[in-house]
Structure formats: C-alpha cells, structure tokens
Amino acid sequence: MLPSPLVLLAAVAARTSTIRLGTAVIAAALEDPMRLAEDAAVVDTLSGGRLELGFGAGSDPAAFARYGRDHGTRHADCTAVVDAVCRELEGDGLVPGAPGLRERMWWATGSPAGVDAAAARGIGVLSGRPDEGAAAGLAGYWTRASGTPRAAACRIVPAGAPAADLPGRWEGDPARPWATHLVVQTQPAAAGFAAHLATLRGIAALACA
C-alpha cells in the first residue's frame, strides 16, 4: 500500500531508462482530477513517456472516511475523476502536453458497468479475477472498445514461489485469450525484500527467455 505512487515513480524515472512505470492503481475517487493530471503529466515527461496511468475506484472504507468521502459513491466518483483527467490530458484543460499519456490510461474494474465505461472511453482494462466471469467481461470489452483494445490480466505470485510455475498457471488462465498484457504482482507485502527480489528476477528471466 503506497500513499503517493507518482512521487515514487518520479524517483524511479530518474534512475531508469527503459522500464514502464505503472500505477496499479491510484484510487481515483480520492483524488483531485486536475492535481492528478498535472502530477501524471510531469512524471510522464520526466520519464520520457514511460508512464502507464492506472485508476481504480478504491476499496478501503477507512481511507474514504479519513478523506471525508462517501465510500458508497466511489464508482460514480471514480468515473467523474477519470473523465476530468481525460479532458485535461486531451488538451481541454491547463495541463501541459504529455503526448500519448491519454492512450496509456488503465481502469481496474471487473463489473460490467466498469468494463463498458472503459471501453467507451478507449481506456485499457486491468482485470484481477482469474475466472470465467472476468474472461467473459474482457471478451465483451473487445467488441465494444473504442480504439485498440488493451486488457491486462493482473495475477499474484506469492513471494518466494517458483517463477517456473507461472507459465503453466498462465496457460490455463480463462482470461488469457483476451489479455494483451500480463501484470505480475508478488505478495504479500510483508514478505522480506530478498523473497520479492528472487521472485521478480525469476519472472524477468522467464520473460526474456
């Protein structure tokens, strides 16, 4: 759980040159859209256009209470923020140019309404559910997406687990036929750095093989 992902990614951008820098995800319902668009545009500029900007409605009621926001309206609030960020990045607001960032936006959602909203706006979908229902939603997204469909399957690999097991798991994943990207998370966050590093190195070795 990271309170300020774009601040971290600005630091990562200064120390890297080729890797993509993604947020998966920013709880959009808790954000000011202009501030969010400005920060994202700056990080994208600093990184040379490597930011992948992922949003979600947010799932922690305690965080909403702390911000004085209504957890029950989070999905509608998320949509409003995403629309406002889109307007800013399309040049209708005050944000300076971040070429291509509008086309590198992602929406974490599994609901039919959320998938439809992402499709209508030409936004990629981040799907975390490895089941037939999620696969059906992604299949529908492909038929309705405005522009080129982008669907990322987000999958968890336990820290310290053999990375060699990942190809077999992915081969049988129901979302695989509809996914254009695979996002791998190493969990839990409480695991030690060495365990996470070993898992990530194993995944990187598979990706390069």
C-alpha atoms as a PDB file:
ATOM      1  CA  MET A   1       0.000   0.000   0.000  1.00  0.00           C
ATOM      2  CA  LEU A   2       1.676   3.175  -1.239  1.00  0.00           C
ATOM      3  CA  PRO A   3       0.144   6.575  -0.430  1.00  0.00           C
ATOM      4  CA  SER A   4       1.891   8.535  -3.219  1.00  0.00           C
ATOM      5  CA  PRO A   5       2.737   6.305  -6.183  1.00  0.00           C
ATOM      6  CA  LEU A   6       3.504   9.139  -8.607  1.00  0.00           C
ATOM      7  CA  VAL A   7       6.087  10.584  -6.206  1.00  0.00           C
ATOM      8  CA  LEU A   8       7.813   7.201  -6.080  1.00  0.00           C
ATOM      9  CA  LEU A   9       7.674   6.821  -9.859  1.00  0.00           C
ATOM     10  CA  ALA A  10       9.306  10.219 -10.331  1.00  0.00           C
ATOM     11  CA  ALA A  11      12.258   8.899  -8.307  1.00  0.00           C
ATOM     12  CA  VAL A  12      12.255   5.624 -10.260  1.00  0.00           C
ATOM     13  CA  ALA A  13      12.166   7.558 -13.542  1.00  0.00           C
ATOM     14  CA  ALA A  14      15.394   9.328 -12.606  1.00  0.00           C
ATOM     15  CA  ARG A  15      17.169   6.002 -12.057  1.00  0.00           C
ATOM     16  CA  THR A  16      15.916   4.013 -15.053  1.00  0.00           C
ATOM     17  CA  SER A  17      15.680   4.431 -18.801  1.00  0.00           C
ATOM     18  CA  THR A  18      13.576   1.683 -20.392  1.00  0.00           C
ATOM     19  CA  ILE A  19      11.123   0.034 -17.965  1.00  0.00           C
ATOM     20  CA  ARG A  20       7.478   1.078 -17.999  1.00  0.00           C
ATOM     21  CA  LEU A  21       6.282   2.898 -14.879  1.00  0.00           C
ATOM     22  CA  GLY A  22       2.767   1.918 -13.862  1.00  0.00           C
ATOM     23  CA  THR A  23       0.240   2.714 -11.160  1.00  0.00           C
ATOM     24  CA  ALA A  24      -1.974  -0.252 -10.339  1.00  0.00           C
ATOM     25  CA  VAL A  25      -3.831   1.534  -9.063  1.00  0.00           C
ATOM     26  CA  ILE A  26      -4.488   5.090  -7.916  1.00  0.00           C
ATOM     27  CA  ALA A  27      -7.791   5.348  -6.015  1.00  0.00           C
ATOM     28  CA  ALA A  28      -9.253   7.980  -8.316  1.00  0.00           C
ATOM     29  CA  ALA A  29     -12.304   8.648  -6.150  1.00  0.00           C
ATOM     30  CA  LEU A  30      -9.993  10.159  -3.504  1.00  0.00           C
ATOM     31  CA  GLU A  31      -8.116  12.441  -5.909  1.00  0.00           C
ATOM     32  CA  ASP A  32      -8.462  15.953  -7.277  1.00  0.00           C
ATOM     33  CA  PRO A  33      -8.503  15.357 -11.050  1.00  0.00           C
ATOM     34  CA  MET A  34      -6.510  18.439 -12.075  1.00  0.00           C
ATOM     35  CA  ARG A  35      -3.815  17.768  -9.481  1.00  0.00           C
ATOM     36  CA  LEU A  36      -3.692  14.128 -10.561  1.00  0.00           C
ATOM     37  CA  ALA A  37      -3.455  15.013 -14.261  1.00  0.00           C
ATOM     38  CA  GLU A  38      -0.699  17.554 -13.609  1.00  0.00           C
ATOM     39  CA  ASP A  39       1.360  15.162 -11.483  1.00  0.00           C
ATOM     40  CA  ALA A  40       0.944  12.370 -14.030  1.00  0.00           C
ATOM     41  CA  ALA A  41       1.960  14.646 -16.898  1.00  0.00           C
ATOM     42  CA  VAL A  42       5.113  15.719 -15.048  1.00  0.00           C
ATOM     43  CA  VAL A  43       6.109  12.113 -14.264  1.00  0.00           C
ATOM     44  CA  ASP A  44       5.451  11.123 -17.881  1.00  0.00           C
ATOM     45  CA  THR A  45       7.612  13.986 -19.141  1.00  0.00           C
ATOM     46  CA  LEU A  46      10.442  13.196 -16.707  1.00  0.00           C
ATOM     47  CA  SER A  47      10.395   9.536 -17.738  1.00  0.00           C
ATOM     48  CA  GLY A  48      10.332  10.172 -21.474  1.00  0.00           C
ATOM     49  CA  GLY A  49       6.792   8.885 -21.961  1.00  0.00           C
ATOM     50  CA  ARG A  50       7.031   5.697 -19.883  1.00  0.00           C
ATOM     51  CA  LEU A  51       4.075   6.183 -17.520  1.00  0.00           C
ATOM     52  CA  GLU A  52       1.142   3.743 -17.595  1.00  0.00           C
ATOM     53  CA  LEU A  53      -1.588   5.510 -15.605  1.00  0.00           C
ATOM     54  CA  GLY A  54      -3.891   3.060 -13.813  1.00  0.00           C
ATOM     55  CA  PHE A  55      -7.021   4.052 -11.887  1.00  0.00           C
ATOM     56  CA  GLY A  56      -9.497   2.273  -9.662  1.00  0.00           C
ATOM     57  CA  ALA A  57     -12.463   3.219  -7.502  1.00  0.00           C
ATOM     58  CA  GLY A  58     -10.732   2.263  -4.243  1.00  0.00           C
ATOM     59  CA  SER A  59     -11.809  -0.448  -1.829  1.00  0.00           C
ATOM     60  CA  ASP A  60     -10.795   0.720   1.654  1.00  0.00           C
ATOM     61  CA  PRO A  61     -13.715   2.289   3.607  1.00  0.00           C
ATOM     62  CA  ALA A  62     -11.294   3.597   6.246  1.00  0.00           C
ATOM     63  CA  ALA A  63      -9.390   5.607   3.633  1.00  0.00           C
ATOM     64  CA  PHE A  64     -12.623   7.154   2.370  1.00  0.00           C
ATOM     65  CA  ALA A  65     -13.636   8.068   5.910  1.00  0.00           C
ATOM     66  CA  ARG A  66     -10.273   9.710   6.529  1.00  0.00           C
ATOM     67  CA  TYR A  67     -10.668  11.814   3.391  1.00  0.00           C
ATOM     68  CA  GLY A  68     -14.270  12.665   4.228  1.00  0.00           C
ATOM     69  CA  ARG A  69     -15.539  10.898   1.103  1.00  0.00           C
ATOM     70  CA  ASP A  70     -18.526   8.602   0.648  1.00  0.00           C
ATOM     71  CA  HIS A  71     -17.381   5.037   0.053  1.00  0.00           C
ATOM     72  CA  GLY A  72     -20.819   4.193  -1.323  1.00  0.00           C
ATOM     73  CA  THR A  73     -20.457   6.574  -4.282  1.00  0.00           C
ATOM     74  CA  ARG A  74     -16.894   5.572  -5.135  1.00  0.00           C
ATOM     75  CA  HIS A  75     -17.679   4.111  -8.548  1.00  0.00           C
ATOM     76  CA  ALA A  76     -19.538   7.200  -9.758  1.00  0.00           C
ATOM     77  CA  ASP A  77     -16.849   9.434  -8.239  1.00  0.00           C
ATOM     78  CA  CYS A  78     -14.119   7.417  -9.950  1.00  0.00           C
ATOM     79  CA  THR A  79     -15.842   7.825 -13.316  1.00  0.00           C
ATOM     80  CA  ALA A  80     -16.110  11.586 -12.792  1.00  0.00           C
ATOM     81  CA  VAL A  81     -12.409  11.867 -11.943  1.00  0.00           C
ATOM     82  CA  VAL A  82     -11.357   9.708 -14.901  1.00  0.00           C
ATOM     83  CA  ASP A  83     -13.436  11.847 -17.268  1.00  0.00           C
ATOM     84  CA  ALA A  84     -11.895  15.025 -15.869  1.00  0.00           C
ATOM     85  CA  VAL A  85      -8.349  13.634 -16.201  1.00  0.00           C
ATOM     86  CA  CYS A  86      -9.127  12.637 -19.795  1.00  0.00           C
ATOM     87  CA  ARG A  87     -10.241  16.181 -20.582  1.00  0.00           C
ATOM     88  CA  GLU A  88      -7.067  17.605 -19.063  1.00  0.00           C
ATOM     89  CA  LEU A  89      -4.797  15.236 -20.974  1.00  0.00           C
ATOM     90  CA  GLU A  90      -6.676  15.808 -24.224  1.00  0.00           C
ATOM     91  CA  GLY A  91      -5.731  19.477 -24.104  1.00  0.00           C
ATOM     92  CA  ASP A  92      -9.034  20.920 -22.933  1.00  0.00           C
ATOM     93  CA  GLY A  93      -7.598  21.910 -19.549  1.00  0.00           C
ATOM     94  CA  LEU A  94      -4.494  23.544 -18.159  1.00  0.00           C
ATOM     95  CA  VAL A  95      -2.134  20.549 -18.155  1.00  0.00           C
ATOM     96  CA  PRO A  96       0.905  20.956 -20.437  1.00  0.00           C
ATOM     97  CA  GLY A  97       1.435  18.335 -23.087  1.00  0.00           C
ATOM     98  CA  ALA A  98       2.264  14.750 -22.189  1.00  0.00           C
ATOM     99  CA  PRO A  99       1.987  13.199 -25.665  1.00  0.00           C
ATOM    100  CA  GLY A 100       0.379   9.778 -25.697  1.00  0.00           C
ATOM    101  CA  LEU A 101      -0.440   9.576 -21.982  1.00  0.00           C
ATOM    102  CA  ARG A 102      -4.171   9.693 -22.698  1.00  0.00           C
ATOM    103  CA  GLU A 103      -3.694   6.452 -24.667  1.00  0.00           C
ATOM    104  CA  ARG A 104      -1.801   4.857 -21.762  1.00  0.00           C
ATOM    105  CA  MET A 105      -4.599   5.030 -19.214  1.00  0.00           C
ATOM    106  CA  TRP A 106      -5.962   1.896 -17.499  1.00  0.00           C
ATOM    107  CA  TRP A 107      -9.061   1.195 -15.416  1.00  0.00           C
ATOM    108  CA  ALA A 108      -9.106  -1.549 -12.774  1.00  0.00           C
ATOM    109  CA  THR A 109     -12.616  -2.951 -12.893  1.00  0.00           C
ATOM    110  CA  GLY A 110     -14.448  -6.249 -13.037  1.00  0.00           C
ATOM    111  CA  SER A 111     -18.038  -5.030 -13.178  1.00  0.00           C
ATOM    112  CA  PRO A 112     -19.959  -4.923 -16.489  1.00  0.00           C
ATOM    113  CA  ALA A 113     -20.630  -1.215 -15.971  1.00  0.00           C
ATOM    114  CA  GLY A 114     -16.941  -0.511 -15.343  1.00  0.00           C
ATOM    115  CA  VAL A 115     -15.816  -2.510 -18.371  1.00  0.00           C
ATOM    116  CA  ASP A 116     -18.365  -0.689 -20.542  1.00  0.00           C
ATOM    117  CA  ALA A 117     -17.171   2.675 -19.220  1.00  0.00           C
ATOM    118  CA  ALA A 118     -13.548   1.847 -20.012  1.00  0.00           C
ATOM    119  CA  ALA A 119     -14.447   0.560 -23.478  1.00  0.00           C
ATOM    120  CA  ALA A 120     -16.436   3.670 -24.330  1.00  0.00           C
ATOM    121  CA  ARG A 121     -13.506   5.915 -23.380  1.00  0.00           C
ATOM    122  CA  GLY A 122     -10.790   3.914 -25.098  1.00  0.00           C
ATOM    123  CA  ILE A 123      -9.146   3.071 -21.763  1.00  0.00           C
ATOM    124  CA  GLY A 124      -7.388  -0.221 -21.075  1.00  0.00           C
ATOM    125  CA  VAL A 125      -8.843  -2.630 -18.519  1.00  0.00           C
ATOM    126  CA  LEU A 126      -6.945  -4.113 -15.560  1.00  0.00           C
ATOM    127  CA  SER A 127      -8.604  -7.394 -14.564  1.00  0.00           C
ATOM    128  CA  GLY A 128      -7.625  -9.157 -11.359  1.00  0.00           C
ATOM    129  CA  ARG A 129     -10.083 -12.061 -11.382  1.00  0.00           C
ATOM    130  CA  PRO A 130      -8.910 -15.367 -12.936  1.00  0.00           C
ATOM    131  CA  ASP A 131     -12.386 -16.749 -13.564  1.00  0.00           C
ATOM    132  CA  GLU A 132     -14.816 -17.310 -16.427  1.00  0.00           C
ATOM    133  CA  GLY A 133     -16.915 -14.272 -15.487  1.00  0.00           C
ATOM    134  CA  ALA A 134     -13.953 -11.946 -15.814  1.00  0.00           C
ATOM    135  CA  ALA A 135     -12.980 -13.613 -19.088  1.00  0.00           C
ATOM    136  CA  ALA A 136     -16.487 -13.026 -20.446  1.00  0.00           C
ATOM    137  CA  GLY A 137     -16.253  -9.371 -19.446  1.00  0.00           C
ATOM    138  CA  LEU A 138     -12.952  -8.988 -21.294  1.00  0.00           C
ATOM    139  CA  ALA A 139     -14.401 -10.702 -24.358  1.00  0.00           C
ATOM    140  CA  GLY A 140     -17.218  -8.157 -24.350  1.00  0.00           C
ATOM    141  CA  TYR A 141     -14.725  -5.355 -23.912  1.00  0.00           C
ATOM    142  CA  TRP A 142     -13.009  -6.383 -27.140  1.00  0.00           C
ATOM    143  CA  THR A 143     -16.260  -5.983 -29.072  1.00  0.00           C
ATOM    144  CA  ARG A 144     -17.045  -2.551 -27.631  1.00  0.00           C
ATOM    145  CA  ALA A 145     -13.661  -0.876 -27.143  1.00  0.00           C
ATOM    146  CA  SER A 146     -13.173   2.497 -28.736  1.00  0.00           C
ATOM    147  CA  GLY A 147      -9.765   2.305 -30.405  1.00  0.00           C
ATOM    148  CA  THR A 148      -7.301  -0.543 -29.912  1.00  0.00           C
ATOM    149  CA  PRO A 149      -8.369  -2.892 -27.061  1.00  0.00           C
ATOM    150  CA  ARG A 150      -5.919  -3.164 -24.171  1.00  0.00           C
ATOM    151  CA  ALA A 151      -6.647  -5.740 -21.484  1.00  0.00           C
ATOM    152  CA  ALA A 152      -4.199  -6.612 -18.718  1.00  0.00           C
ATOM    153  CA  ALA A 153      -4.599  -9.691 -16.546  1.00  0.00           C
ATOM    154  CA  CYS A 154      -3.215  -8.891 -13.078  1.00  0.00           C
ATOM    155  CA  ARG A 155      -2.041 -12.016 -11.302  1.00  0.00           C
ATOM    156  CA  ILE A 156      -0.480 -12.594  -7.885  1.00  0.00           C
ATOM    157  CA  VAL A 157       2.595 -14.745  -7.379  1.00  0.00           C
ATOM    158  CA  PRO A 158       3.399 -15.493  -3.721  1.00  0.00           C
ATOM    159  CA  ALA A 159       6.781 -14.135  -2.702  1.00  0.00           C
ATOM    160  CA  GLY A 160       9.309 -16.951  -2.804  1.00  0.00           C
ATOM    161  CA  ALA A 161       7.174 -19.125  -5.093  1.00  0.00           C
ATOM    162  CA  PRO A 162       8.990 -20.717  -8.050  1.00  0.00           C
ATOM    163  CA  ALA A 163       8.652 -18.458 -11.066  1.00  0.00           C
ATOM    164  CA  ALA A 164       8.835 -21.576 -13.213  1.00  0.00           C
ATOM    165  CA  ASP A 165       5.257 -22.366 -12.144  1.00  0.00           C
ATOM    166  CA  LEU A 166       3.939 -19.192 -13.778  1.00  0.00           C
ATOM    167  CA  PRO A 167       3.800 -20.359 -17.439  1.00  0.00           C
ATOM    168  CA  GLY A 168       1.650 -23.351 -16.546  1.00  0.00           C
ATOM    169  CA  ARG A 169      -0.743 -21.239 -14.497  1.00  0.00           C
ATOM    170  CA  TRP A 170      -0.972 -18.656 -17.269  1.00  0.00           C
ATOM    171  CA  GLU A 171      -1.559 -21.290 -19.953  1.00  0.00           C
ATOM    172  CA  GLY A 172      -4.814 -22.329 -18.272  1.00  0.00           C
ATOM    173  CA  ASP A 173      -5.970 -18.863 -17.257  1.00  0.00           C
ATOM    174  CA  PRO A 174      -9.522 -18.137 -18.544  1.00  0.00           C
ATOM    175  CA  ALA A 175      -8.579 -14.522 -19.370  1.00  0.00           C
ATOM    176  CA  ARG A 176      -5.542 -15.448 -21.445  1.00  0.00           C
ATOM    177  CA  PRO A 177      -7.262 -15.325 -24.890  1.00  0.00           C
ATOM    178  CA  TRP A 178      -8.390 -11.746 -24.224  1.00  0.00           C
ATOM    179  CA  ALA A 179      -5.320 -10.330 -22.484  1.00  0.00           C
ATOM    180  CA  THR A 180      -2.854  -8.112 -24.315  1.00  0.00           C
ATOM    181  CA  HIS A 181      -0.711  -7.670 -21.185  1.00  0.00           C
ATOM    182  CA  LEU A 182       0.192  -9.701 -18.102  1.00  0.00           C
ATOM    183  CA  VAL A 183       0.834  -7.810 -14.851  1.00  0.00           C
ATOM    184  CA  VAL A 184       2.501  -9.918 -12.163  1.00  0.00           C
ATOM    185  CA  GLN A 185       2.350  -8.909  -8.510  1.00  0.00           C
ATOM    186  CA  THR A 186       4.494 -10.503  -5.818  1.00  0.00           C
ATOM    187  CA  GLN A 187       2.663 -10.791  -2.492  1.00  0.00           C
ATOM    188  CA  PRO A 188       2.348 -10.420   0.439  1.00  0.00           C
ATOM    189  CA  ALA A 189       3.816  -7.003   1.096  1.00  0.00           C
ATOM    190  CA  ALA A 190       5.014  -8.250   4.498  1.00  0.00           C
ATOM    191  CA  ALA A 191       7.474 -10.659   2.868  1.00  0.00           C
ATOM    192  CA  GLY A 192      11.130  -9.725   3.016  1.00  0.00           C
ATOM    193  CA  PHE A 193      12.911  -7.849   0.256  1.00  0.00           C
ATOM    194  CA  ALA A 194      15.043 -10.862  -0.677  1.00  0.00           C
ATOM    195  CA  ALA A 195      11.943 -13.007  -1.296  1.00  0.00           C
ATOM    196  CA  HIS A 196      10.341 -10.375  -3.550  1.00  0.00           C
ATOM    197  CA  LEU A 197      13.591  -9.824  -5.418  1.00  0.00           C
ATOM    198  CA  ALA A 198      14.067 -13.529  -6.071  1.00  0.00           C
ATOM    199  CA  THR A 199      10.511 -13.822  -7.409  1.00  0.00           C
ATOM    200  CA  LEU A 200      10.871 -10.804  -9.681  1.00  0.00           C
ATOM    201  CA  ARG A 201      14.209 -11.982 -11.018  1.00  0.00           C
ATOM    202  CA  GLY A 202      12.696 -15.359 -11.840  1.00  0.00           C
ATOM    203  CA  ILE A 203       9.795 -13.706 -13.673  1.00  0.00           C
ATOM    204  CA  ALA A 204      12.193 -11.428 -15.572  1.00  0.00           C
ATOM    205  CA  ALA A 205      14.258 -14.438 -16.631  1.00  0.00           C
ATOM    206  CA  LEU A 206      11.116 -16.142 -17.970  1.00  0.00           C
ATOM    207  CA  ALA A 207      10.054 -13.004 -19.838  1.00  0.00           C
ATOM    208  CA  CYS A 208      13.462 -12.772 -21.520  1.00  0.00           C
ATOM    209  CA  ALA A 209      13.645 -16.469 -22.379  1.00  0.00           C
END
